[in-house]
Amino acid sequence: MKSPLKFRYAFRLASMKSGLFWRTFFLLGALTTTSMTAWVGMISVVQHEPQVQQISAQVISVVTITHAALTHSAPELRRELLFDLVSNEGIRVFPLEEDDKVEPPPNNALMPDIQKLVKAKLGADTRFSAKVNGVSGFWVSFKIDDDQYWLMLERERIRGLTGIQWLGWASVVSVVSLLGAAFISSLINLPLRRLTKATRAFAQGKRPDPLPESGPAEIMEANRSFNQMVDQLQQVESDRAVILAGISHDLRTPLARMQLEVEMANLSNEAREGIQSDIGQMDAIIGQFLDYAKPTEASSFTDVDISELLTDSAHEAERIPDVRVTCDIADGAHVMGNATDLKRVINNLVENARRYGRTPGSELTEIDIQCAVKGAGASRRVTITVQDHGCGVPDDQIEQLLKPFTRLDAACGQANGAGLGLAIVDRVLLRHGAELDVSNREGGGLRIQIAMKAV
């Protein structure tokens, strides 16, 4: 199966940035959750013994005082005493009957130790229950002489934090911790977001604002290095343009003299045409060098009617005798860019197809030029496709096409030029923030697709 190789020029550090934020957030959240879980476990272990002692002492004290009060009070005052215990202390005393419906005591980590301590003080026959005859509470049995009684305490008096309360506090702590983790992650990623924005702008041919050289030593050094890199690359770019412009001037002057001398020399037509062809090729190669080195400034971008530009390029290509152009160009396609550079891109693609995409078994080069607008709103994209019907390129060599000074097997076409045609396309589109997709066309030939943001 043929799998097209896509060359993505939109910088992808933004997605990396988001991934780093969430990675930091989840790591901090996991650390906080683990710490809180360990803290809760530690508190439970540390509080276990004191809580058992406290509840046991409270139960023993209440039962002992109630027993003493009932034992030493006058019989005629016991009813009033029981009423006071119920109304003021929430303590109820009931006779223990054999047919009482008794449910086992609460099943928690504290209850076995509480039972052990209480029985050691009140007697081994002391009984415990969570509900007697359908009434919920903390029930403890005791004796007065030979009679047995139930003493019921309200659960709230002997109950610590419940599971729901622990969960509530843990939820509050978790929310606060996660908010703190998000804030810390934002602070950590702020320098990276700035660096990502500046790097993306620089990759699109813009000159980013200098990054602040402040903060932690590592961030300060990274920002300073980036600022120096931008300055140095801008200087190199400027120096290269000046040098190549000088080379162009110095080379084209003797080429013009050679052209004049050839015209005036007593040469045969065949020799004259050969020399003139060589001079023309040299001049074209110099032009390619200049086109490749020429910077594309984002400040020069304007609203470009790409539909009109493609139509003009197609009409120019149709005037070439051995080229046949088929067009399917949507009206009203507009992009932001440099019209001259975009025109150079289309011309280079057409020229590349003319040279290397001749239809097998024919003297013609068939070129298809298509343009469509897809999507809506901010996601609208202009898609430009230029394809030929030639021999195509082996899939494993497609990536080499965009490298400077690279020319593959020229068996299907001519071999003139410096191998910079598609490299110039690559460079210009990179500065325009466009996406380039190079693949083989179904049925033979090379297919080049450009995707740009529509305006």
Protein backbone atom coordinates (compact mmCIF):
# COMPACT_ATOMS: atom_id res chain seq x y z
CA MET A 1 0.00 0.00 0.00
CA LYS A 2 1.14 3.54 -0.70
CA SER A 3 1.40 5.68 2.37
CA PRO A 4 1.91 9.42 1.67
CA LEU A 5 4.56 11.16 3.71
CA LYS A 6 3.29 14.32 5.32
CA PHE A 7 5.57 17.20 6.15
CA ARG A 8 4.05 19.24 8.97
CA TYR A 9 5.29 22.76 9.41
CA ALA A 10 2.88 24.03 12.06
CA PHE A 11 4.88 23.93 15.28
CA ARG A 12 3.54 21.29 17.69
CA LEU A 13 5.07 22.45 20.97
CA ALA A 14 1.67 23.73 22.06
CA SER A 15 0.37 20.16 22.45
CA MET A 16 3.57 19.24 24.27
CA LYS A 17 3.05 22.18 26.57
CA SER A 18 -0.49 21.02 27.46
CA GLY A 19 0.76 17.51 28.05
CA LEU A 20 3.46 18.82 30.41
CA PHE A 21 0.93 20.90 32.34
CA TRP A 22 -1.38 17.93 32.89
CA ARG A 23 1.55 15.64 33.65
CA THR A 24 2.75 18.05 36.33
CA PHE A 25 -0.80 18.52 37.62
CA PHE A 26 -1.46 14.79 37.92
CA LEU A 27 1.92 14.12 39.54
CA LEU A 28 1.27 16.81 42.16
CA GLY A 29 -2.28 15.53 42.61
CA ALA A 30 -1.04 11.96 43.06
CA LEU A 31 1.60 13.11 45.53
CA THR A 32 -1.00 15.07 47.50
CA THR A 33 -3.47 12.18 47.50
CA THR A 34 -0.80 9.72 48.60
CA SER A 35 0.38 12.05 51.36
CA MET A 36 -3.18 12.64 52.56
CA THR A 37 -3.94 8.91 52.55
CA ALA A 38 -0.78 8.22 54.53
CA TRP A 39 -1.69 11.04 56.93
CA VAL A 40 -5.20 9.69 57.49
CA GLY A 41 -3.80 6.21 58.07
CA MET A 42 -1.22 7.53 60.52
CA ILE A 43 -3.82 9.58 62.40
CA SER A 44 -6.09 6.52 62.61
CA VAL A 45 -3.29 4.43 64.08
CA VAL A 46 -2.12 7.12 66.47
CA GLN A 47 -5.64 8.00 67.63
CA HIS A 48 -6.82 4.41 68.02
CA GLU A 49 -5.60 3.80 71.55
CA PRO A 50 -6.52 7.24 72.99
CA GLN A 51 -9.96 7.06 71.42
CA VAL A 52 -10.54 3.57 72.84
CA GLN A 53 -9.44 4.75 76.29
CA GLN A 54 -11.64 7.83 76.12
CA ILE A 55 -14.81 6.02 75.02
CA SER A 56 -14.25 3.15 77.46
CA ALA A 57 -13.70 5.56 80.36
CA GLN A 58 -16.83 7.49 79.42
CA VAL A 59 -18.98 4.35 79.25
CA ILE A 60 -17.56 3.03 82.53
CA SER A 61 -18.08 6.38 84.24
CA VAL A 62 -21.68 6.74 83.08
CA VAL A 63 -22.60 3.17 84.05
CA THR A 64 -20.88 3.44 87.44
CA ILE A 65 -22.49 6.78 88.30
CA THR A 66 -25.92 5.59 87.14
CA HIS A 67 -25.52 2.38 89.12
CA ALA A 68 -24.53 4.29 92.25
CA ALA A 69 -27.31 6.84 91.83
CA LEU A 70 -29.98 4.20 91.44
CA THR A 71 -28.60 2.08 94.26
CA HIS A 72 -28.33 4.82 96.87
CA SER A 73 -31.40 6.83 95.99
CA ALA A 74 -34.65 6.43 97.84
CA PRO A 75 -37.10 4.15 96.00
CA GLU A 76 -39.71 6.91 95.73
CA LEU A 77 -37.17 9.20 94.04
CA ARG A 78 -35.87 6.71 91.45
CA ARG A 79 -38.57 7.54 88.88
CA GLU A 80 -37.71 11.23 89.10
CA LEU A 81 -34.00 10.39 88.87
CA LEU A 82 -34.53 8.31 85.72
CA PHE A 83 -36.51 11.17 84.18
CA ASP A 84 -33.65 13.59 84.91
CA LEU A 85 -31.14 11.20 83.33
CA VAL A 86 -33.20 11.00 80.17
CA SER A 87 -33.97 14.70 79.86
CA ASN A 88 -30.60 16.14 80.94
CA GLU A 89 -28.00 13.51 80.06
CA GLY A 90 -29.63 11.48 77.30
CA ILE A 91 -29.25 8.32 79.40
CA ARG A 92 -32.03 5.74 79.52
CA VAL A 93 -32.31 2.73 81.80
CA PHE A 94 -34.52 -0.25 80.97
CA PRO A 95 -34.98 -3.60 82.60
CA LEU A 96 -33.19 -6.40 80.73
CA GLU A 97 -35.72 -9.06 79.70
CA GLU A 98 -34.95 -12.49 78.35
CA ASP A 99 -37.10 -11.92 75.27
CA ASP A 100 -35.41 -8.64 74.26
CA LYS A 101 -34.48 -8.49 70.60
CA VAL A 102 -30.81 -7.69 70.75
CA GLU A 103 -28.58 -6.85 67.79
CA PRO A 104 -24.78 -7.17 67.99
CA PRO A 105 -22.67 -4.07 68.75
CA PRO A 106 -21.23 -1.92 65.95
CA ASN A 107 -18.63 -3.66 63.82
CA ASN A 108 -15.72 -1.25 63.76
CA ALA A 109 -12.05 -1.22 64.65
CA LEU A 110 -12.63 0.33 68.08
CA MET A 111 -15.39 -1.92 69.43
CA PRO A 112 -13.34 -5.04 70.37
CA ASP A 113 -10.91 -3.01 72.47
CA ILE A 114 -13.74 -1.00 74.04
CA GLN A 115 -15.53 -4.20 75.05
CA LYS A 116 -12.35 -5.59 76.54
CA LEU A 117 -11.70 -2.54 78.73
CA VAL A 118 -15.34 -2.10 79.81
CA LYS A 119 -15.72 -5.78 80.75
CA ALA A 120 -12.52 -5.56 82.77
CA LYS A 121 -14.15 -2.86 84.94
CA LEU A 122 -17.85 -3.80 84.94
CA GLY A 123 -17.61 -7.57 84.78
CA ALA A 124 -17.20 -10.24 82.16
CA ASP A 125 -20.96 -10.72 81.80
CA THR A 126 -21.47 -7.16 80.54
CA ARG A 127 -23.32 -7.15 77.26
CA PHE A 128 -23.24 -4.65 74.36
CA SER A 129 -25.73 -3.95 71.62
CA ALA A 130 -26.37 -1.49 68.79
CA LYS A 131 -30.16 -1.89 68.91
CA VAL A 132 -32.53 -3.37 71.50
CA ASN A 133 -36.15 -3.97 70.61
CA GLY A 134 -35.78 -1.77 67.56
CA VAL A 135 -34.32 1.24 69.42
CA SER A 136 -30.89 2.30 68.18
CA GLY A 137 -28.20 3.51 70.55
CA PHE A 138 -25.15 2.38 72.45
CA TRP A 139 -26.52 -0.27 74.85
CA VAL A 140 -24.58 -1.60 77.88
CA SER A 141 -25.91 -4.02 80.47
CA PHE A 142 -25.28 -3.76 84.25
CA LYS A 143 -26.60 -5.29 87.48
CA ILE A 144 -28.20 -3.93 90.58
CA ASP A 145 -28.21 -6.75 93.07
CA ASP A 146 -29.68 -9.68 91.10
CA ASP A 147 -31.58 -7.55 88.58
CA GLN A 148 -30.14 -6.76 85.15
CA TYR A 149 -30.71 -3.50 83.30
CA TRP A 150 -29.90 -1.92 79.98
CA LEU A 151 -28.28 1.49 79.90
CA MET A 152 -28.62 3.29 76.59
CA LEU A 153 -26.33 6.14 75.56
CA GLU A 154 -26.87 8.33 72.54
CA ARG A 155 -24.35 7.38 69.87
CA GLU A 156 -23.25 10.99 69.38
CA ARG A 157 -21.76 11.07 72.87
CA ILE A 158 -19.27 8.28 72.20
CA ARG A 159 -18.76 8.55 68.48
CA GLY A 160 -15.74 10.23 66.91
CA LEU A 161 -15.58 11.33 63.29
CA THR A 162 -17.74 9.15 61.06
CA GLY A 163 -16.72 7.81 57.68
CA ILE A 164 -18.87 10.47 55.98
CA GLN A 165 -17.20 13.21 58.01
CA TRP A 166 -13.77 11.85 57.16
CA LEU A 167 -14.82 11.75 53.51
CA GLY A 168 -16.09 15.34 53.69
CA TRP A 169 -12.87 16.66 55.17
CA ALA A 170 -10.82 14.58 52.75
CA SER A 171 -12.83 16.02 49.83
CA VAL A 172 -12.23 19.58 51.01
CA VAL A 173 -8.51 18.93 51.43
CA SER A 174 -8.39 17.21 48.02
CA VAL A 175 -10.08 20.12 46.23
CA VAL A 176 -7.79 22.67 47.87
CA SER A 177 -4.76 20.49 47.07
CA LEU A 178 -5.77 20.09 43.41
CA LEU A 179 -6.33 23.83 43.07
CA GLY A 180 -2.89 24.36 44.52
CA ALA A 181 -1.45 21.75 42.13
CA ALA A 182 -3.06 23.53 39.17
CA PHE A 183 -1.65 26.88 40.33
CA ILE A 184 1.84 25.44 40.81
CA SER A 185 1.68 23.68 37.44
CA SER A 186 0.72 26.96 35.77
CA LEU A 187 3.66 28.73 37.39
CA ILE A 188 6.04 25.96 36.35
CA ASN A 189 4.77 25.94 32.77
CA LEU A 190 4.59 29.73 32.30
CA PRO A 191 8.22 30.04 31.09
CA LEU A 192 7.69 27.05 28.80
CA ARG A 193 4.54 28.61 27.34
CA ARG A 194 6.48 31.78 26.59
CA LEU A 195 9.31 29.79 25.00
CA THR A 196 6.80 27.74 22.98
CA LYS A 197 5.05 30.87 21.69
CA ALA A 198 8.35 32.50 20.74
CA THR A 199 9.65 29.33 19.06
CA ARG A 200 6.45 28.88 17.08
CA ALA A 201 6.60 32.50 15.92
CA PHE A 202 10.24 32.12 14.91
CA ALA A 203 9.46 28.89 13.02
CA GLN A 204 6.84 30.82 11.03
CA GLY A 205 9.38 33.42 9.95
CA LYS A 206 8.41 36.07 12.52
CA ARG A 207 10.81 37.77 14.88
CA PRO A 208 9.52 37.08 18.40
CA ASP A 209 9.77 39.55 21.26
CA PRO A 210 12.80 38.89 23.49
CA LEU A 211 12.07 36.49 26.32
CA PRO A 212 12.46 37.86 29.87
CA GLU A 213 15.87 36.95 31.23
CA SER A 214 14.69 36.57 34.82
CA GLY A 215 13.47 33.88 37.18
CA PRO A 216 15.23 30.63 38.16
CA ALA A 217 18.77 30.17 36.86
CA GLU A 218 17.80 27.40 34.42
CA ILE A 219 14.92 29.40 32.90
CA MET A 220 17.00 32.57 32.75
CA GLU A 221 19.83 30.75 30.96
CA ALA A 222 17.42 29.08 28.50
CA ASN A 223 15.74 32.40 27.65
CA ARG A 224 19.06 34.16 27.27
CA SER A 225 20.34 31.41 24.97
CA PHE A 226 17.16 31.57 22.89
CA ASN A 227 17.40 35.35 22.53
CA GLN A 228 21.04 35.04 21.45
CA MET A 229 20.15 32.31 18.98
CA VAL A 230 17.42 34.45 17.39
CA ASP A 231 19.77 37.40 17.07
CA GLN A 232 22.54 35.28 15.55
CA LEU A 233 20.25 33.52 13.09
CA GLN A 234 18.74 36.82 11.99
CA GLN A 235 22.24 38.17 11.44
CA VAL A 236 23.25 35.05 9.50
CA GLU A 237 20.10 35.33 7.38
CA SER A 238 20.84 38.96 6.62
CA ASP A 239 24.51 38.29 5.83
CA ARG A 240 23.61 35.39 3.55
CA ALA A 241 21.14 37.50 1.57
CA VAL A 242 23.76 40.24 1.12
CA ILE A 243 26.45 37.74 0.09
CA LEU A 244 24.23 35.95 -2.41
CA ALA A 245 23.02 39.24 -3.86
CA GLY A 246 26.65 40.21 -4.38
CA ILE A 247 27.45 36.85 -5.95
CA SER A 248 24.46 37.24 -8.28
CA HIS A 249 25.67 40.66 -9.39
CA ASP A 250 29.27 39.48 -9.81
CA LEU A 251 28.31 36.37 -11.80
CA ARG A 252 25.57 37.80 -13.98
CA THR A 253 27.76 40.63 -15.26
CA PRO A 254 30.31 38.26 -16.92
CA LEU A 255 27.43 36.03 -18.06
CA ALA A 256 25.93 39.00 -19.87
CA ARG A 257 29.31 39.70 -21.53
CA MET A 258 29.61 36.04 -22.52
CA GLN A 259 26.13 36.17 -24.03
CA LEU A 260 27.10 39.25 -26.05
CA GLU A 261 30.38 37.68 -27.19
CA VAL A 262 28.56 34.53 -28.29
CA GLU A 263 26.15 36.59 -30.34
CA MET A 264 29.04 38.40 -32.04
CA ALA A 265 31.34 35.40 -32.44
CA ASN A 266 31.64 33.55 -35.72
CA LEU A 267 30.13 30.27 -34.51
CA SER A 268 27.91 27.72 -36.05
CA ASN A 269 24.24 27.83 -35.07
CA GLU A 270 24.56 24.52 -33.20
CA ALA A 271 27.52 25.77 -31.12
CA ARG A 272 25.91 29.13 -30.46
CA GLU A 273 22.65 27.53 -29.27
CA GLY A 274 24.57 25.12 -27.03
CA ILE A 275 26.57 27.90 -25.36
CA GLN A 276 23.48 30.07 -24.99
CA SER A 277 21.65 27.13 -23.40
CA ASP A 278 24.50 26.67 -20.92
CA ILE A 279 24.52 30.37 -20.07
CA GLY A 280 20.75 30.30 -19.59
CA GLN A 281 21.04 27.33 -17.24
CA MET A 282 23.73 29.08 -15.21
CA ASP A 283 21.57 32.19 -14.93
CA ALA A 284 18.57 30.08 -13.86
CA ILE A 285 20.67 28.30 -11.20
CA ILE A 286 21.83 31.66 -9.82
CA GLY A 287 18.19 32.73 -9.69
CA GLN A 288 17.30 29.58 -7.76
CA PHE A 289 20.03 30.27 -5.21
CA LEU A 290 18.65 33.76 -4.67
CA ASP A 291 15.08 32.52 -4.36
CA TYR A 292 16.16 29.91 -1.80
CA ALA A 293 18.12 32.40 0.27
CA LYS A 294 15.59 35.23 0.10
CA PRO A 295 13.81 35.66 3.46
CA THR A 296 10.04 35.91 3.62
CA GLU A 297 9.02 38.53 6.16
CA ALA A 298 5.67 38.04 7.86
CA SER A 299 5.26 41.81 7.84
CA SER A 300 4.87 41.64 4.06
CA PHE A 301 1.84 39.31 4.25
CA THR A 302 -1.38 40.60 2.74
CA ASP A 303 -4.73 39.16 1.72
CA VAL A 304 -3.93 37.10 -1.40
CA ASP A 305 -6.63 35.92 -3.82
CA ILE A 306 -5.17 32.46 -4.32
CA SER A 307 -7.88 31.53 -6.84
CA GLU A 308 -6.80 34.34 -9.15
CA LEU A 309 -3.12 33.55 -8.61
CA LEU A 310 -3.64 29.87 -9.54
CA THR A 311 -5.69 30.82 -12.60
CA ASP A 312 -2.91 33.12 -13.85
CA SER A 313 -0.28 30.44 -13.27
CA ALA A 314 -2.40 27.89 -15.15
CA HIS A 315 -2.80 30.26 -18.14
CA GLU A 316 0.96 30.86 -18.22
CA ALA A 317 1.61 27.11 -18.12
CA GLU A 318 -0.86 26.48 -20.97
CA ARG A 319 1.26 28.66 -23.25
CA ILE A 320 4.08 26.11 -23.01
CA PRO A 321 3.79 23.88 -26.11
CA ASP A 322 4.32 20.50 -24.43
CA VAL A 323 2.13 21.16 -21.35
CA ARG A 324 -1.60 20.52 -20.94
CA VAL A 325 -3.24 21.91 -17.81
CA THR A 326 -6.54 20.80 -16.26
CA CYS A 327 -8.00 23.19 -13.67
CA ASP A 328 -10.57 22.80 -10.91
CA ILE A 329 -10.18 26.03 -8.93
CA ALA A 330 -12.80 27.23 -6.46
CA ASP A 331 -13.69 30.92 -6.55
CA GLY A 332 -13.03 33.29 -3.66
CA ALA A 333 -10.18 31.41 -1.96
CA HIS A 334 -8.11 33.91 0.06
CA VAL A 335 -5.05 33.40 2.29
CA MET A 336 -2.63 35.63 4.16
CA GLY A 337 0.81 35.63 2.57
CA ASN A 338 3.30 37.17 0.21
CA ALA A 339 1.79 37.09 -3.27
CA THR A 340 5.18 37.07 -5.03
CA ASP A 341 6.48 34.15 -2.97
CA LEU A 342 3.26 32.15 -3.35
CA LYS A 343 3.37 32.74 -7.11
CA ARG A 344 6.96 31.44 -7.08
CA VAL A 345 5.77 28.32 -5.21
CA ILE A 346 3.10 27.51 -7.81
CA ASN A 347 5.48 28.21 -10.72
CA ASN A 348 8.12 25.95 -9.18
CA LEU A 349 5.59 23.14 -8.79
CA VAL A 350 4.43 23.54 -12.38
CA GLU A 351 8.02 23.68 -13.65
CA ASN A 352 8.95 20.64 -11.57
CA ALA A 353 6.00 18.74 -13.06
CA ARG A 354 6.94 19.88 -16.58
CA ARG A 355 10.52 18.68 -16.19
CA TYR A 356 10.01 15.40 -14.39
CA GLY A 357 6.33 14.48 -14.83
CA ARG A 358 5.97 13.85 -18.56
CA THR A 359 3.18 11.35 -19.24
CA PRO A 360 4.72 7.99 -20.31
CA GLY A 361 4.19 7.26 -24.01
CA SER A 362 3.30 10.87 -24.75
CA GLU A 363 5.09 14.06 -25.71
CA LEU A 364 2.86 16.04 -23.34
CA THR A 365 3.04 16.76 -19.64
CA GLU A 366 -0.43 16.63 -18.10
CA ILE A 367 -0.75 18.81 -15.00
CA ASP A 368 -3.83 18.99 -12.76
CA ILE A 369 -4.28 22.13 -10.64
CA GLN A 370 -7.02 22.07 -8.01
CA CYS A 371 -8.09 24.44 -5.26
CA ALA A 372 -10.82 23.93 -2.67
CA VAL A 373 -11.98 25.66 0.52
CA LYS A 374 -12.90 23.32 3.35
CA GLY A 375 -14.27 23.79 6.85
CA ALA A 376 -16.05 26.76 8.40
CA GLY A 377 -15.22 29.64 10.70
CA ALA A 378 -11.75 29.64 12.22
CA SER A 379 -11.07 26.14 10.86
CA ARG A 380 -11.50 27.08 7.18
CA ARG A 381 -8.58 25.80 5.10
CA VAL A 382 -7.55 26.38 1.51
CA THR A 383 -6.25 23.21 -0.11
CA ILE A 384 -4.11 23.51 -3.27
CA THR A 385 -3.18 20.40 -5.25
CA VAL A 386 -0.72 20.18 -8.15
CA GLN A 387 -0.21 16.75 -9.68
CA ASP A 388 1.20 15.25 -12.84
CA HIS A 389 0.69 11.95 -14.69
CA GLY A 390 4.35 10.94 -14.92
CA CYS A 391 6.41 8.16 -13.39
CA GLY A 392 6.15 9.37 -9.79
CA VAL A 393 8.83 8.78 -7.14
CA PRO A 394 9.56 5.68 -5.04
CA ASP A 395 7.85 6.04 -1.68
CA ASP A 396 11.11 5.63 0.24
CA GLN A 397 12.65 8.55 -1.66
CA ILE A 398 9.83 11.11 -1.31
CA GLU A 399 11.40 12.64 1.79
CA GLN A 400 14.57 13.40 -0.18
CA LEU A 401 12.68 15.63 -2.62
CA LEU A 402 12.53 18.58 -0.23
CA LYS A 403 16.23 18.58 0.58
CA PRO A 404 18.35 21.24 -1.16
CA PHE A 405 20.51 20.15 -4.13
CA THR A 406 18.68 16.83 -4.40
CA ARG A 407 17.64 15.43 -7.79
CA LEU A 408 16.38 11.92 -8.13
CA ASP A 409 16.61 9.67 -11.17
CA ALA A 410 15.84 11.82 -14.21
CA ALA A 411 14.84 8.96 -16.47
CA CYS A 412 11.31 10.36 -16.77
CA GLY A 413 12.39 13.92 -17.56
CA GLN A 414 15.13 16.45 -17.83
CA ALA A 415 17.92 16.89 -15.33
CA ASN A 416 18.57 20.63 -15.53
CA GLY A 417 18.64 22.88 -12.46
CA ALA A 418 20.35 22.86 -9.08
CA GLY A 419 17.82 20.70 -7.26
CA LEU A 420 16.32 23.67 -5.36
CA GLY A 421 12.82 23.86 -6.85
CA LEU A 422 10.98 21.90 -4.16
CA ALA A 423 13.41 23.10 -1.48
CA ILE A 424 12.31 26.67 -2.28
CA VAL A 425 8.67 25.53 -2.02
CA ASP A 426 9.45 23.91 1.32
CA ARG A 427 11.16 27.04 2.65
CA VAL A 428 8.47 29.51 1.54
CA LEU A 429 5.60 27.40 2.90
CA LEU A 430 7.41 26.98 6.19
CA ARG A 431 7.46 30.78 6.59
CA HIS A 432 3.74 30.91 5.72
CA GLY A 433 2.81 28.34 8.38
CA ALA A 434 1.39 26.03 5.69
CA GLU A 435 1.33 22.23 5.57
CA LEU A 436 2.85 20.28 2.69
CA ASP A 437 1.83 16.75 1.71
CA VAL A 438 3.94 14.98 -0.94
CA SER A 439 2.74 11.62 -2.23
CA ASN A 440 2.35 9.55 -5.38
CA ARG A 441 -0.85 9.99 -7.34
CA GLU A 442 -3.14 7.04 -7.84
CA GLY A 443 -2.51 5.90 -11.40
CA GLY A 444 1.01 7.35 -11.57
CA GLY A 445 2.64 10.71 -11.08
CA LEU A 446 3.55 12.97 -8.20
CA ARG A 447 0.90 14.69 -6.09
CA ILE A 448 1.75 17.78 -4.02
CA GLN A 449 -0.89 19.26 -1.73
CA ILE A 450 -0.66 22.53 0.22
CA ALA A 451 -3.00 23.41 3.09
CA MET A 452 -3.21 27.01 4.35
CA LYS A 453 -5.50 28.88 6.70
CA ALA A 454 -8.24 30.69 4.82
CA VAL A 455 -9.24 34.30 5.44
